[in-house]
PDB file of N, CA and C in Angstrom:
ATOM      1  N   MET A   1       0.869  -1.197   0.040  1.00  0.00           N
ATOM      2  CA  MET A   1       0.053   0.043   0.028  1.00  0.00           C
ATOM      3  C   MET A   1       0.910   1.265   0.050  1.00  0.00           C
ATOM      4  N   SER A   2       0.435   2.325  -0.830  1.00  0.00           N
ATOM      5  CA  SER A   2       1.152   3.564  -0.784  1.00  0.00           C
ATOM      6  C   SER A   2       0.713   4.353   0.402  1.00  0.00           C
ATOM      7  N   SER A   3       1.616   5.444   0.642  1.00  0.00           N
ATOM      8  CA  SER A   3       1.313   6.287   1.789  1.00  0.00           C
ATOM      9  C   SER A   3       0.062   7.062   1.824  1.00  0.00           C
ATOM     10  N   ALA A   4      -0.478   7.341   0.464  1.00  0.00           N
ATOM     11  CA  ALA A   4      -1.750   7.877   0.401  1.00  0.00           C
ATOM     12  C   ALA A   4      -2.842   7.055   0.839  1.00  0.00           C
ATOM     13  N   ASP A   5      -2.741   5.795   0.460  1.00  0.00           N
ATOM     14  CA  ASP A   5      -3.646   4.792   0.858  1.00  0.00           C
ATOM     15  C   ASP A   5      -3.766   4.763   2.429  1.00  0.00           C
ATOM     16  N   ASN A   6      -2.593   4.567   2.920  1.00  0.00           N
ATOM     17  CA  ASN A   6      -2.581   4.475   4.363  1.00  0.00           C
ATOM     18  C   ASN A   6      -3.123   5.763   5.071  1.00  0.00           C
ATOM     19  N   GLU A   7      -2.996   6.978   4.479  1.00  0.00           N
ATOM     20  CA  GLU A   7      -3.488   8.215   5.148  1.00  0.00           C
ATOM     21  C   GLU A   7      -5.064   8.193   4.930  1.00  0.00           C
ATOM     22  N   LEU A   8      -5.523   7.565   3.939  1.00  0.00           N
ATOM     23  CA  LEU A   8      -7.063   7.760   3.450  1.00  0.00           C
ATOM     24  C   LEU A   8      -7.595   6.613   4.594  1.00  0.00           C
ATOM     25  N   SER A   9      -6.946   5.434   4.798  1.00  0.00           N
ATOM     26  CA  SER A   9      -7.460   4.437   5.640  1.00  0.00           C
ATOM     27  C   SER A   9      -7.386   4.902   7.184  1.00  0.00           C
ATOM     28  N   LYS A  10      -6.555   5.831   7.495  1.00  0.00           N
ATOM     29  CA  LYS A  10      -6.667   6.446   8.851  1.00  0.00           C
ATOM     30  C   LYS A  10      -7.881   7.348   8.882  1.00  0.00           C
ATOM     31  N   LEU A  11      -7.910   8.329   7.892  1.00  0.00           N
ATOM     32  CA  LEU A  11      -8.965   9.081   7.888  1.00  0.00           C
ATOM     33  C   LEU A  11     -10.311   8.518   7.917  1.00  0.00           C
ATOM     34  N   LEU A  12     -10.545   7.444   7.190  1.00  0.00           N
ATOM     35  CA  LEU A  12     -11.726   6.652   7.322  1.00  0.00           C
ATOM     36  C   LEU A  12     -12.060   5.948   8.623  1.00  0.00           C
ATOM     37  N   GLU A  13     -10.945   5.602   9.239  1.00  0.00           N
ATOM     38  CA  GLU A  13     -11.255   4.896  10.480  1.00  0.00           C
ATOM     39  C   GLU A  13     -11.716   5.821  11.559  1.00  0.00           C
ATOM     40  N   ASN A  14     -11.333   7.104  11.483  1.00  0.00           N
ATOM     41  CA  ASN A  14     -11.652   8.187  12.382  1.00  0.00           C
ATOM     42  C   ASN A  14     -12.795   8.887  12.046  1.00  0.00           C
ATOM     43  N   TRP A  15     -13.192   8.697  10.895  1.00  0.00           N
ATOM     44  CA  TRP A  15     -14.636   9.473  10.513  1.00  0.00           C
ATOM     45  C   TRP A  15     -15.758   8.986  11.181  1.00  0.00           C
ATOM     46  N   ASP A  16     -16.582   9.955  11.643  1.00  0.00           N
ATOM     47  CA  ASP A  16     -17.926   9.799  12.376  1.00  0.00           C
ATOM     48  C   ASP A  16     -18.986  10.185  11.530  1.00  0.00           C
ATOM     49  N   PRO A  17     -19.694   9.172  10.953  1.00  0.00           N
ATOM     50  CA  PRO A  17     -20.804   9.318  10.154  1.00  0.00           C
ATOM     51  C   PRO A  17     -21.880   9.975  10.604  1.00  0.00           C
ATOM     52  N   ASN A  18     -22.069   9.978  11.869  1.00  0.00           N
ATOM     53  CA  ASN A  18     -23.249  10.538  12.578  1.00  0.00           C
ATOM     54  C   ASN A  18     -23.074  11.956  12.903  1.00  0.00           C
ATOM     55  N   ALA A  19     -22.328  12.599  12.259  1.00  0.00           N
ATOM     56  CA  ALA A  19     -22.031  14.124  12.410  1.00  0.00           C
ATOM     57  C   ALA A  19     -23.333  14.786  12.358  1.00  0.00           C
ATOM     58  N   GLU A  20     -23.654  15.864  13.231  1.00  0.00           N
ATOM     59  CA  GLU A  20     -24.728  16.578  13.172  1.00  0.00           C
ATOM     60  C   GLU A  20     -24.559  17.833  11.987  1.00  0.00           C
ATOM     61  N   LEU A  21     -25.710  17.932  11.264  1.00  0.00           N
ATOM     62  CA  LEU A  21     -25.691  19.010  10.197  1.00  0.00           C
ATOM     63  C   LEU A  21     -26.301  20.347  10.935  1.00  0.00           C
ATOM     64  N   ASP A  22     -25.870  21.437  10.228  1.00  0.00           N
ATOM     65  CA  ASP A  22     -26.202  22.675  10.547  1.00  0.00           C
ATOM     66  C   ASP A  22     -27.713  22.783  10.441  1.00  0.00           C
ATOM     67  N   VAL A  23     -28.433  23.663  11.232  1.00  0.00           N
ATOM     68  CA  VAL A  23     -29.700  23.586  11.184  1.00  0.00           C
ATOM     69  C   VAL A  23     -30.273  24.286   9.786  1.00  0.00           C
ATOM     70  N   ASN A  24     -29.553  25.194   9.263  1.00  0.00           N
ATOM     71  CA  ASN A  24     -29.699  25.712   7.958  1.00  0.00           C
ATOM     72  C   ASN A  24     -29.229  25.148   6.605  1.00  0.00           C
ATOM     73  N   PHE A  25     -28.844  23.908   6.992  1.00  0.00           N
ATOM     74  CA  PHE A  25     -28.079  23.209   5.810  1.00  0.00           C
ATOM     75  C   PHE A  25     -28.904  22.973   4.586  1.00  0.00           C
ATOM     76  N   ASN A  26     -30.228  22.511   4.749  1.00  0.00           N
ATOM     77  CA  ASN A  26     -30.991  22.369   3.781  1.00  0.00           C
ATOM     78  C   ASN A  26     -31.327  23.617   2.940  1.00  0.00           C
ATOM     79  N   ARG A  27     -31.665  24.459   3.686  1.00  0.00           N
ATOM     80  CA  ARG A  27     -31.994  25.903   3.160  1.00  0.00           C
ATOM     81  C   ARG A  27     -30.705  26.488   2.322  1.00  0.00           C
ATOM     82  N   GLN A  28     -29.574  26.394   2.854  1.00  0.00           N
ATOM     83  CA  GLN A  28     -28.302  26.954   2.254  1.00  0.00           C
ATOM     84  C   GLN A  28     -28.095  26.078   0.748  1.00  0.00           C
ATOM     85  N   VAL A  29     -28.527  24.792   0.800  1.00  0.00           N
ATOM     86  CA  VAL A  29     -28.173  23.723  -0.353  1.00  0.00           C
ATOM     87  C   VAL A  29     -29.204  24.406  -1.295  1.00  0.00           C
ATOM     88  N   TRP A  30     -30.418  24.673  -0.955  1.00  0.00           N
ATOM     89  CA  TRP A  30     -31.486  24.996  -2.002  1.00  0.00           C
ATOM     90  C   TRP A  30     -31.135  26.291  -2.482  1.00  0.00           C
ATOM     91  N   ILE A  31     -30.440  27.156  -1.640  1.00  0.00           N
ATOM     92  CA  ILE A  31     -30.234  28.550  -2.327  1.00  0.00           C
ATOM     93  C   ILE A  31     -28.992  28.546  -3.248  1.00  0.00           C
ATOM     94  N   ARG A  32     -28.080  27.684  -2.948  1.00  0.00           N
ATOM     95  CA  ARG A  32     -26.974  27.670  -3.860  1.00  0.00           C
ATOM     96  C   ARG A  32     -27.355  26.865  -5.155  1.00  0.00           C
ATOM     97  N   LEU A  33     -28.317  26.033  -5.091  1.00  0.00           N
ATOM     98  CA  LEU A  33     -28.817  25.378  -6.343  1.00  0.00           C
ATOM     99  C   LEU A  33     -29.876  26.316  -7.131  1.00  0.00           C
ATOM    100  N   GLU A  34     -30.493  27.105  -6.482  1.00  0.00           N
ATOM    101  CA  GLU A  34     -31.443  28.213  -7.246  1.00  0.00           C
ATOM    102  C   GLU A  34     -30.445  29.183  -7.772  1.00  0.00           C
ATOM    103  N   GLY A  35     -29.279  29.406  -7.152  1.00  0.00           N
ATOM    104  CA  GLY A  35     -28.527  30.391  -7.820  1.00  0.00           C
ATOM    105  C   GLY A  35     -27.742  29.929  -9.058  1.00  0.00           C
ATOM    106  N   ARG A  36     -27.438  28.674  -9.102  1.00  0.00           N
ATOM    107  CA  ARG A  36     -26.805  27.974 -10.321  1.00  0.00           C
ATOM    108  C   ARG A  36     -27.800  27.934 -11.480  1.00  0.00           C
ATOM    109  N   VAL A  37     -29.070  27.577 -11.021  1.00  0.00           N
ATOM    110  CA  VAL A  37     -30.072  27.324 -12.266  1.00  0.00           C
ATOM    111  C   VAL A  37     -30.550  28.452 -12.744  1.00  0.00           C
ATOM    112  N   GLY A  38     -30.974  29.285 -11.702  1.00  0.00           N
ATOM    113  CA  GLY A  38     -31.859  30.447 -11.982  1.00  0.00           C
ATOM    114  C   GLY A  38     -31.119  31.495 -12.853  1.00  0.00           C
ATOM    115  N   SER A  39     -29.968  31.995 -12.574  1.00  0.00           N
ATOM    116  CA  SER A  39     -29.432  32.997 -13.309  1.00  0.00           C
ATOM    117  C   SER A  39     -28.211  32.579 -14.124  1.00  0.00           C
ATOM    118  N   SER A  40     -28.334  32.692 -15.390  1.00  0.00           N
ATOM    119  CA  SER A  40     -27.430  32.478 -16.231  1.00  0.00           C
ATOM    120  C   SER A  40     -27.150  33.630 -17.044  1.00  0.00           C
ATOM    121  N   TRP A  41     -25.969  34.392 -17.108  1.00  0.00           N
ATOM    122  CA  TRP A  41     -25.757  35.520 -17.800  1.00  0.00           C
ATOM    123  C   TRP A  41     -26.385  35.520 -19.501  1.00  0.00           C
ATOM    124  N   GLU A  42     -26.014  34.423 -19.814  1.00  0.00           N
ATOM    125  CA  GLU A  42     -26.403  34.272 -21.407  1.00  0.00           C
ATOM    126  C   GLU A  42     -27.960  34.506 -21.594  1.00  0.00           C
ATOM    127  N   VAL A  43     -28.672  33.566 -20.603  1.00  0.00           N
ATOM    128  CA  VAL A  43     -30.127  33.732 -20.768  1.00  0.00           C
ATOM    129  C   VAL A  43     -30.511  35.121 -20.393  1.00  0.00           C
ATOM    130  N   ASP A  44     -29.970  35.781 -19.336  1.00  0.00           N
ATOM    131  CA  ASP A  44     -30.400  37.093 -18.974  1.00  0.00           C
ATOM    132  C   ASP A  44     -30.306  38.061 -20.089  1.00  0.00           C
ATOM    133  N   ALA A  45     -29.035  37.986 -20.778  1.00  0.00           N
ATOM    134  CA  ALA A  45     -28.792  38.932 -21.888  1.00  0.00           C
ATOM    135  C   ALA A  45     -29.737  38.572 -23.176  1.00  0.00           C
ATOM    136  N   LEU A  46     -30.069  37.388 -23.430  1.00  0.00           N
ATOM    137  CA  LEU A  46     -30.878  37.227 -24.429  1.00  0.00           C
ATOM    138  C   LEU A  46     -32.249  37.598 -24.122  1.00  0.00           C
ATOM    139  N   LEU A  47     -32.823  37.564 -22.862  1.00  0.00           N
ATOM    140  CA  LEU A  47     -34.136  38.020 -22.394  1.00  0.00           C
ATOM    141  C   LEU A  47     -34.138  39.625 -22.616  1.00  0.00           C
ATOM    142  N   ALA A  48     -33.058  40.147 -22.044  1.00  0.00           N
ATOM    143  CA  ALA A  48     -32.981  41.669 -22.178  1.00  0.00           C
ATOM    144  C   ALA A  48     -32.918  42.175 -23.649  1.00  0.00           C
ATOM    145  N   LEU A  49     -32.423  41.437 -24.484  1.00  0.00           N
ATOM    146  CA  LEU A  49     -32.112  41.818 -25.971  1.00  0.00           C
ATOM    147  C   LEU A  49     -33.698  41.601 -26.446  1.00  0.00           C
ATOM    148  N   LEU A  50     -34.330  40.587 -26.029  1.00  0.00           N
ATOM    149  CA  LEU A  50     -35.629  40.320 -26.648  1.00  0.00           C
ATOM    150  C   LEU A  50     -36.555  41.309 -26.323  1.00  0.00           C
ATOM    151  N   GLU A  51     -36.665  41.788 -24.861  1.00  0.00           N
ATOM    152  CA  GLU A  51     -37.573  42.823 -24.388  1.00  0.00           C
ATOM    153  C   GLU A  51     -37.233  44.171 -25.098  1.00  0.00           C
ATOM    154  N   ARG A  52     -35.918  44.302 -25.406  1.00  0.00           N
ATOM    155  CA  ARG A  52     -35.592  45.684 -26.036  1.00  0.00           C
ATOM    156  C   ARG A  52     -36.304  45.552 -27.552  1.00  0.00           C
ATOM    157  N   TRP A  53     -36.096  44.510 -28.203  1.00  0.00           N
ATOM    158  CA  TRP A  53     -36.779  44.524 -29.558  1.00  0.00           C
ATOM    159  C   TRP A  53     -38.306  44.366 -29.571  1.00  0.00           C
ATOM    160  N   LEU A  54     -38.902  44.040 -28.519  1.00  0.00           N
ATOM    161  CA  LEU A  54     -40.174  44.199 -28.588  1.00  0.00           C
ATOM    162  C   LEU A  54     -40.736  45.537 -28.035  1.00  0.00           C
ATOM    163  N   ARG A  55     -39.888  46.100 -27.452  1.00  0.00           N
ATOM    164  CA  ARG A  55     -40.291  47.588 -27.107  1.00  0.00           C
ATOM    165  C   ARG A  55     -40.083  48.412 -28.273  1.00  0.00           C
ATOM    166  N   VAL A  56     -39.249  48.099 -28.968  1.00  0.00           N
ATOM    167  CA  VAL A  56     -38.934  48.953 -30.343  1.00  0.00           C
ATOM    168  C   VAL A  56     -40.115  48.636 -31.345  1.00  0.00           C
ATOM    169  N   LEU A  57     -40.520  47.254 -31.463  1.00  0.00           N
ATOM    170  CA  LEU A  57     -41.435  46.950 -32.414  1.00  0.00           C
ATOM    171  C   LEU A  57     -42.940  47.092 -31.985  1.00  0.00           C
ATOM    172  N   ALA A  58     -42.885  47.653 -30.714  1.00  0.00           N
ATOM    173  CA  ALA A  58     -44.308  48.149 -30.291  1.00  0.00           C
ATOM    174  C   ALA A  58     -44.812  49.346 -30.788  1.00  0.00           C
ATOM    175  N   ARG A  59     -44.007  49.972 -31.336  1.00  0.00           N
ATOM    176  CA  ARG A  59     -44.371  51.236 -32.190  1.00  0.00           C
ATOM    177  C   ARG A  59     -44.860  50.927 -33.434  1.00  0.00           C
ATOM    178  N   PRO A  60     -46.112  51.481 -33.750  1.00  0.00           N
ATOM    179  CA  PRO A  60     -46.702  50.913 -35.052  1.00  0.00           C
ATOM    180  C   PRO A  60     -45.843  51.224 -36.173  1.00  0.00           C
ATOM    181  N   ARG A  61     -45.217  52.366 -36.490  1.00  0.00           N
ATOM    182  CA  ARG A  61     -44.386  52.660 -37.639  1.00  0.00           C
ATOM    183  C   ARG A  61     -43.266  51.448 -37.801  1.00  0.00           C
ATOM    184  N   LEU A  62     -42.512  51.212 -36.709  1.00  0.00           N
ATOM    185  CA  LEU A  62     -41.530  50.277 -36.832  1.00  0.00           C
ATOM    186  C   LEU A  62     -41.933  48.881 -36.996  1.00  0.00           C
ATOM    187  N   ALA A  63     -43.029  48.582 -36.288  1.00  0.00           N
ATOM    188  CA  ALA A  63     -43.617  47.112 -36.486  1.00  0.00           C
ATOM    189  C   ALA A  63     -43.985  47.048 -38.050  1.00  0.00           C
ATOM    190  N   PHE A  64     -44.851  47.943 -38.558  1.00  0.00           N
ATOM    191  CA  PHE A  64     -45.222  47.769 -40.125  1.00  0.00           C
ATOM    192  C   PHE A  64     -43.936  47.717 -40.851  1.00  0.00           C
ATOM    193  N   ALA A  65     -42.942  48.521 -40.634  1.00  0.00           N
ATOM    194  CA  ALA A  65     -41.635  48.424 -41.579  1.00  0.00           C
ATOM    195  C   ALA A  65     -41.078  47.079 -41.386  1.00  0.00           C
ATOM    196  N   ALA A  66     -40.863  46.506 -40.240  1.00  0.00           N
ATOM    197  CA  ALA A  66     -40.260  45.233 -40.009  1.00  0.00           C
ATOM    198  C   ALA A  66     -41.088  44.200 -40.606  1.00  0.00           C
ATOM    199  N   THR A  67     -42.314  44.292 -40.471  1.00  0.00           N
ATOM    200  CA  THR A  67     -43.117  43.299 -41.015  1.00  0.00           C
ATOM    201  C   THR A  67     -43.158  43.292 -42.608  1.00  0.00           C
ATOM    202  N   THR A  68     -43.136  44.550 -43.044  1.00  0.00           N
ATOM    203  CA  THR A  68     -43.003  44.684 -44.666  1.00  0.00           C
ATOM    204  C   THR A  68     -41.662  44.134 -44.973  1.00  0.00           C
ATOM    205  N   ILE A  69     -40.495  44.501 -44.482  1.00  0.00           N
ATOM    206  CA  ILE A  69     -39.252  43.949 -44.733  1.00  0.00           C
ATOM    207  C   ILE A  69     -39.200  42.438 -44.608  1.00  0.00           C
ATOM    208  N   ALA A  70     -39.964  41.754 -43.573  1.00  0.00           N
ATOM    209  CA  ALA A  70     -39.835  40.565 -43.631  1.00  0.00           C
ATOM    210  C   ALA A  70     -40.689  39.669 -44.647  1.00  0.00           C
ATOM    211  N   ILE A  71     -41.833  40.190 -45.146  1.00  0.00           N
ATOM    212  CA  ILE A  71     -42.639  39.752 -46.066  1.00  0.00           C
ATOM    213  C   ILE A  71     -41.795  39.852 -47.568  1.00  0.00           C
ATOM    214  N   PHE A  72     -41.062  41.043 -47.707  1.00  0.00           N
ATOM    215  CA  PHE A  72     -40.410  40.878 -49.051  1.00  0.00           C
ATOM    216  C   PHE A  72     -39.156  39.981 -49.058  1.00  0.00           C
ATOM    217  N   ILE A  73     -38.496  39.906 -47.948  1.00  0.00           N
ATOM    218  CA  ILE A  73     -37.357  38.918 -47.811  1.00  0.00           C
ATOM    219  C   ILE A  73     -37.834  37.574 -48.052  1.00  0.00           C
ATOM    220  N   GLY A  74     -39.179  37.299 -47.563  1.00  0.00           N
ATOM    221  CA  GLY A  74     -39.730  35.819 -47.827  1.00  0.00           C
ATOM    222  C   GLY A  74     -40.120  35.645 -49.133  1.00  0.00           C
ATOM    223  N   ILE A  75     -40.689  36.710 -49.884  1.00  0.00           N
ATOM    224  CA  ILE A  75     -40.937  36.634 -51.275  1.00  0.00           C
ATOM    225  C   ILE A  75     -39.707  36.524 -52.192  1.00  0.00           C
ATOM    226  N   LEU A  76     -38.789  37.155 -51.710  1.00  0.00           N
ATOM    227  CA  LEU A  76     -37.411  37.153 -52.532  1.00  0.00           C
ATOM    228  C   LEU A  76     -36.784  35.698 -52.400  1.00  0.00           C
ATOM    229  N   VAL A  77     -36.897  35.049 -51.259  1.00  0.00           N
ATOM    230  CA  VAL A  77     -36.117  33.755 -51.103  1.00  0.00           C
ATOM    231  C   VAL A  77     -37.026  32.862 -51.624  1.00  0.00           C
ATOM    232  N   GLY A  78     -38.263  32.823 -51.532  1.00  0.00           N
ATOM    233  CA  GLY A  78     -39.133  31.971 -52.139  1.00  0.00           C
ATOM    234  C   GLY A  78     -39.323  31.944 -53.523  1.00  0.00           C
ATOM    235  N   GLY A  79     -38.975  33.196 -54.242  1.00  0.00           N
ATOM    236  CA  GLY A  79     -38.912  33.375 -55.604  1.00  0.00           C
ATOM    237  C   GLY A  79     -37.582  32.698 -56.246  1.00  0.00           C
ATOM    238  N   LEU A  80     -36.568  32.822 -55.539  1.00  0.00           N
ATOM    239  CA  LEU A  80     -35.278  32.260 -55.776  1.00  0.00           C
ATOM    240  C   LEU A  80     -35.266  30.696 -55.785  1.00  0.00           C
ATOM    241  N   GLN A  81     -35.989  30.253 -54.816  1.00  0.00           N
ATOM    242  CA  GLN A  81     -36.122  28.806 -54.544  1.00  0.00           C
ATOM    243  C   GLN A  81     -36.961  28.344 -55.661  1.00  0.00           C
ATOM    244  N   ALA A  82     -38.086  28.872 -55.957  1.00  0.00           N
ATOM    245  CA  ALA A  82     -38.816  28.268 -57.034  1.00  0.00           C
ATOM    246  C   ALA A  82     -38.226  28.386 -58.377  1.00  0.00           C
ATOM    247  N   ARG A  83     -37.385  29.428 -58.676  1.00  0.00           N
ATOM    248  CA  ARG A  83     -36.665  29.534 -59.874  1.00  0.00           C
ATOM    249  C   ARG A  83     -35.679  28.424 -60.122  1.00  0.00           C
ATOM    250  N   SER A  84     -34.968  28.091 -58.936  1.00  0.00           N
ATOM    251  CA  SER A  84     -34.301  27.056 -58.748  1.00  0.00           C
ATOM    252  C   SER A  84     -34.870  25.818 -59.218  1.00  0.00           C
ATOM    253  N   MET A  85     -35.912  25.476 -58.404  1.00  0.00           N
ATOM    254  CA  MET A  85     -36.712  23.990 -58.736  1.00  0.00           C
ATOM    255  C   MET A  85     -37.217  24.195 -60.178  1.00  0.00           C
ATOM    256  N   GLN A  86     -37.639  25.079 -60.758  1.00  0.00           N
ATOM    257  CA  GLN A  86     -37.994  25.129 -62.191  1.00  0.00           C
ATOM    258  C   GLN A  86     -36.855  24.711 -63.014  1.00  0.00           C
ATOM    259  N   LYS A  87     -35.761  25.247 -62.739  1.00  0.00           N
ATOM    260  CA  LYS A  87     -34.695  24.902 -63.653  1.00  0.00           C
ATOM    261  C   LYS A  87     -34.168  23.352 -63.521  1.00  0.00           C
ATOM    262  N   GLU A  88     -34.244  22.854 -62.315  1.00  0.00           N
ATOM    263  CA  GLU A  88     -34.052  21.382 -62.155  1.00  0.00           C
ATOM    264  C   GLU A  88     -34.957  20.641 -62.809  1.00  0.00           C
ATOM    265  N   GLN A  89     -36.399  21.101 -62.662  1.00  0.00           N
ATOM    266  CA  GLN A  89     -37.551  20.339 -63.404  1.00  0.00           C
ATOM    267  C   GLN A  89     -37.176  20.347 -64.764  1.00  0.00           C
ATOM    268  N   TYR A  90     -36.877  21.417 -65.318  1.00  0.00           N
ATOM    269  CA  TYR A  90     -36.597  21.572 -67.036  1.00  0.00           C
ATOM    270  C   TYR A  90     -35.368  20.686 -67.325  1.00  0.00           C
ATOM    271  N   LEU A  91     -34.363  20.826 -66.603  1.00  0.00           N
ATOM    272  CA  LEU A  91     -33.239  20.044 -66.892  1.00  0.00           C
ATOM    273  C   LEU A  91     -33.368  18.336 -66.954  1.00  0.00           C
ATOM    274  N   LEU A  92     -34.252  18.061 -65.695  1.00  0.00           N
ATOM    275  CA  LEU A  92     -34.748  16.522 -65.805  1.00  0.00           C
ATOM    276  C   LEU A  92     -35.480  16.270 -66.931  1.00  0.00           C
ATOM    277  N   SER A  93     -36.428  17.125 -67.333  1.00  0.00           N
ATOM    278  CA  SER A  93     -37.244  16.933 -68.657  1.00  0.00           C
ATOM    279  C   SER A  93     -36.625  16.511 -69.685  1.00  0.00           C
ATOM    280  N   VAL A  94     -35.484  17.578 -69.900  1.00  0.00           N
ATOM    281  CA  VAL A  94     -34.733  17.556 -71.293  1.00  0.00           C
ATOM    282  C   VAL A  94     -33.786  16.209 -71.083  1.00  0.00           C
ATOM    283  N   ASN A  95     -33.195  16.110 -69.993  1.00  0.00           N
ATOM    284  CA  ASN A  95     -32.297  14.869 -69.688  1.00  0.00           C
ATOM    285  C   ASN A  95     -32.426  13.978 -68.454  1.00  0.00           C
ATOM    286  N   PRO A  96     -33.357  13.058 -68.531  1.00  0.00           N
ATOM    287  CA  PRO A  96     -33.711  12.466 -67.325  1.00  0.00           C
ATOM    288  C   PRO A  96     -32.440  11.729 -66.466  1.00  0.00           C
ATOM    289  N   TYR A  97     -31.452  11.884 -66.923  1.00  0.00           N
ATOM    290  CA  TYR A  97     -30.023  11.162 -66.341  1.00  0.00           C
ATOM    291  C   TYR A  97     -29.357  12.448 -65.692  1.00  0.00           C
ATOM    292  N   TRP A  98     -29.862  13.628 -65.732  1.00  0.00           N
ATOM    293  CA  TRP A  98     -29.323  14.626 -65.173  1.00  0.00           C
ATOM    294  C   TRP A  98     -29.246  14.760 -63.742  1.00  0.00           C
ATOM    295  N   VAL A  99     -28.097  14.910 -62.930  1.00  0.00           N
ATOM    296  CA  VAL A  99     -28.116  14.923 -61.587  1.00  0.00           C
ATOM    297  C   VAL A  99     -27.464  16.311 -61.000  1.00  0.00           C
ATOM    298  N   ASN A 100     -28.214  16.854 -60.108  1.00  0.00           N
ATOM    299  CA  ASN A 100     -27.633  18.086 -59.694  1.00  0.00           C
ATOM    300  C   ASN A 100     -26.578  17.817 -58.818  1.00  0.00           C
ATOM    301  N   SER A 101     -25.425  18.707 -59.045  1.00  0.00           N
ATOM    302  CA  SER A 101     -24.221  18.303 -58.135  1.00  0.00           C
ATOM    303  C   SER A 101     -24.604  18.415 -56.722  1.00  0.00           C
ATOM    304  N   THR A 102     -25.605  19.155 -56.250  1.00  0.00           N
ATOM    305  CA  THR A 102     -25.603  19.190 -54.789  1.00  0.00           C
ATOM    306  C   THR A 102     -26.395  17.935 -54.168  1.00  0.00           C
ATOM    307  N   GLN A 103     -26.867  17.101 -55.216  1.00  0.00           N
ATOM    308  CA  GLN A 103     -27.704  15.894 -54.869  1.00  0.00           C
ATOM    309  C   GLN A 103     -27.030  14.735 -54.820  1.00  0.00           C
ATOM    310  N   THR A 104     -27.410  13.838 -54.196  1.00  0.00           N
ATOM    311  CA  THR A 104     -26.860  12.538 -54.391  1.00  0.00           C
ATOM    312  C   THR A 104     -27.901  11.512 -54.889  1.00  0.00           C
ATOM    313  N   ASN A 105     -27.612  10.853 -56.129  1.00  0.00           N
ATOM    314  CA  ASN A 105     -28.548   9.860 -56.564  1.00  0.00           C
ATOM    315  C   ASN A 105     -27.905   8.559 -56.453  1.00  0.00           C
ATOM    316  N   LEU A 106     -28.797   7.688 -55.923  1.00  0.00           N
ATOM    317  CA  LEU A 106     -28.270   6.245 -55.704  1.00  0.00           C
ATOM    318  C   LEU A 106     -28.846   5.425 -56.348  1.00  0.00           C
ATOM    319  N   ARG A 107     -29.488   5.738 -57.513  1.00  0.00           N
ATOM    320  CA  ARG A 107     -29.971   4.673 -58.520  1.00  0.00           C
ATOM    321  C   ARG A 107     -29.145   3.774 -58.849  1.00  0.00           C
TER     322      ARG A 107
END
């Protein structure tokens, strides 16, 4: 046995498992757990940012502008995706063996 094992054995022999706990032990444990779980600076920062954006968007003009911009971006992205799909369908109708380079065809 090593000296560390001997020291551990001596400590375990002298250990009293019936030690009395502090009266506030449970309360202190729960306070520490709540502190760890309840407040994360990332979550707090994200909530603060979200609250700030909601306050800004609560103004009718800004809410209308943000909604209009979001709709136009959605139309633009949808149009580009539809054009890409039409191109693929055309190429497949002309050449049924055409495979898009971004797809993997395992036939």
